[in-house]
N, C-alpha and C. Protein backbone atom coordinates (compact mmCIF):
# COMPACT_ATOMS: atom_id res chain seq x y z
N MET A 1 119.46 91.57 91.65
CA MET A 1 119.72 90.85 92.86
C MET A 1 120.46 89.70 93.24
N VAL A 2 121.64 90.00 93.91
CA VAL A 2 122.71 89.07 94.55
C VAL A 2 122.02 88.17 95.48
N VAL A 3 122.20 86.96 95.20
CA VAL A 3 121.31 86.16 96.65
C VAL A 3 122.28 85.83 97.00
N SER A 4 122.61 85.79 98.38
CA SER A 4 123.09 85.80 99.62
C SER A 4 123.07 84.68 100.57
N LYS A 5 121.93 84.17 100.44
CA LYS A 5 121.25 83.66 101.32
C LYS A 5 120.18 82.84 100.59
N ARG A 6 119.90 81.38 100.88
CA ARG A 6 118.53 80.39 100.39
C ARG A 6 117.23 81.32 100.05
N ILE A 7 116.93 81.08 98.80
CA ILE A 7 115.56 81.69 98.49
C ILE A 7 114.48 81.39 99.89
N SER A 8 114.50 80.10 100.13
CA SER A 8 113.55 79.42 100.98
C SER A 8 113.63 80.46 102.09
N TYR A 9 114.66 80.83 102.63
CA TYR A 9 114.84 81.90 104.10
C TYR A 9 114.57 83.38 104.03
N TRP A 10 114.31 83.61 102.24
CA TRP A 10 113.98 85.42 102.33
C TRP A 10 112.69 85.77 103.13
N THR A 11 113.07 86.88 103.40
CA THR A 11 112.11 87.70 104.54
C THR A 11 110.98 88.52 103.28
N VAL A 12 110.17 89.13 103.73
CA VAL A 12 109.25 89.65 102.85
C VAL A 12 109.83 90.95 102.15
N ALA A 13 110.59 91.21 103.16
CA ALA A 13 111.40 92.57 102.51
C ALA A 13 112.33 92.27 101.49
N GLU A 14 112.93 91.19 101.27
CA GLU A 14 113.90 90.27 100.54
C GLU A 14 112.97 89.86 98.97
N VAL A 15 111.67 89.34 99.18
CA VAL A 15 111.06 89.14 98.14
C VAL A 15 110.47 90.82 97.52
N PHE A 16 109.96 91.43 98.08
CA PHE A 16 109.65 92.75 97.92
C PHE A 16 110.99 93.07 96.99
N GLU A 17 112.16 93.11 97.07
CA GLU A 17 113.78 93.96 96.91
C GLU A 17 113.52 92.82 95.31
N TRP A 18 113.59 91.29 95.41
CA TRP A 18 113.43 90.88 93.90
C TRP A 18 112.45 91.22 93.10
N VAL A 19 110.89 91.52 93.38
CA VAL A 19 110.11 91.92 92.68
C VAL A 19 110.46 93.49 92.15
N ARG A 20 110.95 94.38 92.67
CA ARG A 20 111.39 95.42 92.70
C ARG A 20 112.36 95.48 91.31
N GLU A 21 112.91 94.63 91.30
CA GLU A 21 114.51 94.59 90.33
C GLU A 21 113.88 93.72 89.01
N GLN A 22 112.86 92.64 89.25
CA GLN A 22 112.51 91.69 88.05
C GLN A 22 111.55 92.42 87.24
N TYR A 23 110.72 93.24 88.12
CA TYR A 23 109.28 94.02 87.31
C TYR A 23 109.31 95.22 87.97
N PRO A 24 110.03 96.30 87.16
CA PRO A 24 110.02 97.36 87.62
C PRO A 24 108.77 98.29 87.58
N SER A 25 107.89 98.12 86.16
CA SER A 25 107.17 98.65 86.62
C SER A 25 105.60 97.85 86.70
N GLN A 26 105.97 96.99 87.30
CA GLN A 26 104.68 96.19 88.28
C GLN A 26 105.01 95.79 90.10
N SER A 27 106.07 96.83 90.04
CA SER A 27 106.65 96.39 91.38
C SER A 27 105.54 97.19 92.45
N LYS A 28 105.08 98.05 92.08
CA LYS A 28 103.69 98.48 93.47
C LYS A 28 102.94 97.64 93.63
N ALA A 29 101.89 97.32 92.51
CA ALA A 29 100.88 96.48 92.73
C ALA A 29 101.63 95.13 93.16
N LEU A 30 102.64 94.58 92.84
CA LEU A 30 103.37 93.43 93.33
C LEU A 30 103.87 93.63 94.81
N GLN A 31 104.40 94.48 95.25
CA GLN A 31 104.47 94.55 96.46
C GLN A 31 103.61 94.81 97.59
N GLN A 32 102.64 95.28 96.99
CA GLN A 32 101.42 95.56 98.27
C GLN A 32 100.82 94.56 98.12
N ALA A 33 100.53 93.32 97.20
CA ALA A 33 100.35 92.07 97.51
C ALA A 33 100.94 91.09 98.04
N ILE A 34 102.27 91.55 98.16
CA ILE A 34 103.32 90.85 98.97
C ILE A 34 102.99 91.29 100.64
N ALA A 35 102.83 92.41 100.39
CA ALA A 35 102.48 92.96 102.08
C ALA A 35 101.61 92.15 102.56
N LYS A 36 100.43 92.56 101.69
CA LYS A 36 99.08 91.97 102.48
C LYS A 36 99.01 90.35 103.24
N HIS A 37 99.83 89.94 101.96
CA HIS A 37 99.88 88.67 102.13
C HIS A 37 101.19 87.47 102.69
N ALA A 38 102.12 88.52 102.93
CA ALA A 38 103.30 88.11 103.87
C ALA A 38 103.96 87.01 103.29
N ILE A 39 104.19 87.52 101.91
CA ILE A 39 104.87 86.11 100.78
C ILE A 39 106.49 86.15 101.49
N SER A 40 106.71 85.35 101.73
CA SER A 40 108.32 85.28 102.23
C SER A 40 108.89 84.37 101.07
N GLY A 41 109.95 84.11 101.03
CA GLY A 41 110.72 83.46 100.12
C GLY A 41 110.20 81.81 99.96
N ARG A 42 110.03 81.43 100.95
CA ARG A 42 109.30 80.08 101.09
C ARG A 42 107.86 80.16 100.18
N VAL A 43 107.05 80.87 100.48
CA VAL A 43 105.86 80.98 100.02
C VAL A 43 105.99 81.16 98.63
N LEU A 44 106.78 82.30 98.13
CA LEU A 44 107.30 82.41 96.79
C LEU A 44 107.66 81.34 95.81
N LEU A 45 108.31 80.55 96.64
CA LEU A 45 108.96 79.31 95.84
C LEU A 45 107.56 78.19 95.45
N ARG A 46 106.47 78.57 96.37
CA ARG A 46 105.28 77.55 96.10
C ARG A 46 104.10 77.92 95.31
N MET A 47 104.64 79.30 95.01
CA MET A 47 103.41 80.07 94.12
C MET A 47 103.04 79.21 92.92
N LYS A 48 101.61 79.11 92.75
CA LYS A 48 101.10 78.73 91.42
C LYS A 48 100.29 79.70 90.62
N LYS A 49 99.75 79.39 89.67
CA LYS A 49 99.01 80.38 88.95
C LYS A 49 97.78 80.52 89.74
N GLU A 50 97.15 79.78 90.55
CA GLU A 50 95.99 80.20 91.37
C GLU A 50 96.01 81.16 92.17
N GLN A 51 97.00 81.26 92.73
CA GLN A 51 97.54 82.25 94.05
C GLN A 51 97.67 83.46 93.16
N LEU A 52 98.13 83.32 91.97
CA LEU A 52 98.49 84.62 91.34
C LEU A 52 97.30 85.33 90.89
N ASN A 53 95.88 84.28 90.14
CA ASN A 53 95.19 85.00 89.77
C ASN A 53 94.03 85.55 91.25
N ARG A 54 94.72 84.84 92.18
CA ARG A 54 93.36 85.64 93.46
C ARG A 54 94.36 86.83 93.67
N LEU A 55 95.73 87.15 93.35
CA LEU A 55 96.21 88.31 93.69
C LEU A 55 96.00 89.42 92.59
N GLY A 56 95.35 88.89 91.63
CA GLY A 56 95.13 89.90 90.62
C GLY A 56 95.77 90.06 89.47
N MET A 57 96.71 89.19 89.58
CA MET A 57 97.91 89.30 88.67
C MET A 57 97.54 89.11 86.95
N GLU A 58 97.99 89.75 85.89
CA GLU A 58 97.43 89.76 84.79
C GLU A 58 97.91 88.04 84.38
N SER A 59 97.45 87.65 83.34
CA SER A 59 97.89 86.32 82.66
C SER A 59 99.33 86.52 81.99
N LYS A 60 99.15 87.70 81.47
CA LYS A 60 100.83 87.79 80.64
C LYS A 60 101.84 87.62 81.83
N LEU A 61 101.61 88.56 82.93
CA LEU A 61 102.43 88.34 83.91
C LEU A 61 103.01 87.11 84.51
N GLN A 62 101.96 86.96 84.82
CA GLN A 62 101.76 85.54 85.52
C GLN A 62 102.45 83.99 84.66
N GLN A 63 102.90 84.31 83.60
CA GLN A 63 103.81 83.25 83.15
C GLN A 63 105.19 84.01 83.07
N GLU A 64 105.50 85.34 82.93
CA GLU A 64 106.95 85.51 83.44
C GLU A 64 106.74 85.14 84.66
N PHE A 65 106.14 86.00 85.41
CA PHE A 65 106.43 85.42 86.80
C PHE A 65 106.82 84.26 87.42
N LEU A 66 106.05 82.94 86.73
CA LEU A 66 106.34 81.71 87.19
C LEU A 66 107.24 81.08 86.69
N ARG A 67 107.33 81.65 85.41
CA ARG A 67 109.27 81.50 84.95
C ARG A 67 109.96 81.41 85.59
N ASP A 68 110.13 82.84 86.22
CA ASP A 68 111.09 83.04 87.44
C ASP A 68 111.27 82.57 88.97
N VAL A 69 110.37 82.26 88.80
CA VAL A 69 110.02 81.41 90.26
C VAL A 69 110.42 79.83 89.92
N LEU A 70 109.97 79.45 88.70
CA LEU A 70 110.66 78.43 88.46
C LEU A 70 112.26 78.34 88.59
N LEU A 71 112.94 79.22 87.91
CA LEU A 71 114.22 79.66 88.19
C LEU A 71 114.70 79.68 89.44
N LEU A 72 114.17 80.22 90.35
CA LEU A 72 114.55 80.20 91.93
C LEU A 72 114.24 79.20 92.38
N ARG A 73 113.51 78.13 91.85
CA ARG A 73 112.94 76.96 92.64
C ARG A 73 114.40 75.98 92.14
N ILE A 74 114.90 76.36 90.84
CA ILE A 74 116.02 75.40 90.32
C ILE A 74 117.10 75.95 91.08
N GLN A 75 117.53 77.25 91.06
CA GLN A 75 118.35 77.54 92.27
C GLN A 75 118.38 77.08 93.26
N GLU A 76 117.48 77.11 94.04
CA GLU A 76 117.36 76.46 95.27
C GLU A 76 117.62 74.78 95.37
N GLU A 77 117.33 74.07 94.60
CA GLU A 77 117.36 72.72 94.30
C GLU A 77 118.93 72.47 93.98
N LEU A 78 119.77 73.19 93.47
CA LEU A 78 121.08 73.14 92.93
C LEU A 78 121.83 73.15 94.48
N GLU A 79 121.21 74.29 95.17
CA GLU A 79 122.03 74.80 96.71
C GLU A 79 121.60 73.53 97.42
N ASN A 80 120.54 72.71 97.23
CA ASN A 80 120.32 71.61 98.30
C ASN A 80 121.29 70.29 97.77
N LEU A 81 121.62 70.28 96.85
CA LEU A 81 122.45 69.14 96.21
C LEU A 81 123.88 69.63 96.22
N ASN A 82 124.07 70.90 96.26
CA ASN A 82 125.56 71.45 96.68
C ASN A 82 125.63 70.65 98.34
N ASN A 83 124.95 71.14 98.97
CA ASN A 83 125.14 71.19 100.48
C ASN A 83 124.71 69.38 100.30
N ILE A 84 124.59 68.61 99.91
CA ILE A 84 124.36 67.17 99.96
C ILE A 84 126.07 66.62 99.61
N TYR A 85 126.44 67.09 98.92
CA TYR A 85 128.04 66.90 98.15
C TYR A 85 129.14 67.34 98.91
N TYR A 86 129.21 68.96 99.78
CA TYR A 86 129.83 68.97 100.21
C TYR A 86 129.85 69.27 101.59
C-alpha cells in the first residue's frame, strides 16, 4: 500500500486495505474486528497488546501486528519531523 496521506488520518476503509495487504490470510477476521470497533488510522497507531487480546488476536500474530504498527508510528513521526523542518 502506497501511503499518500498521514496514517493518523486513515479511514476505517484505509485500515482495511492495509490489513488486507499485510495479512492476507488473516484479513477477514481482522477486517471484521476493524469494522466492529471502527478502527481508524489514529486508533491503529495507539493499539497495544491489551486491545489485540480483546479483539481475539492470536499471540503470535499480535507480535507481528505490533511490530508493523510500530513501523507505521515511526513513519508518522518522521512525517511530523519533516513538517517541522520544511
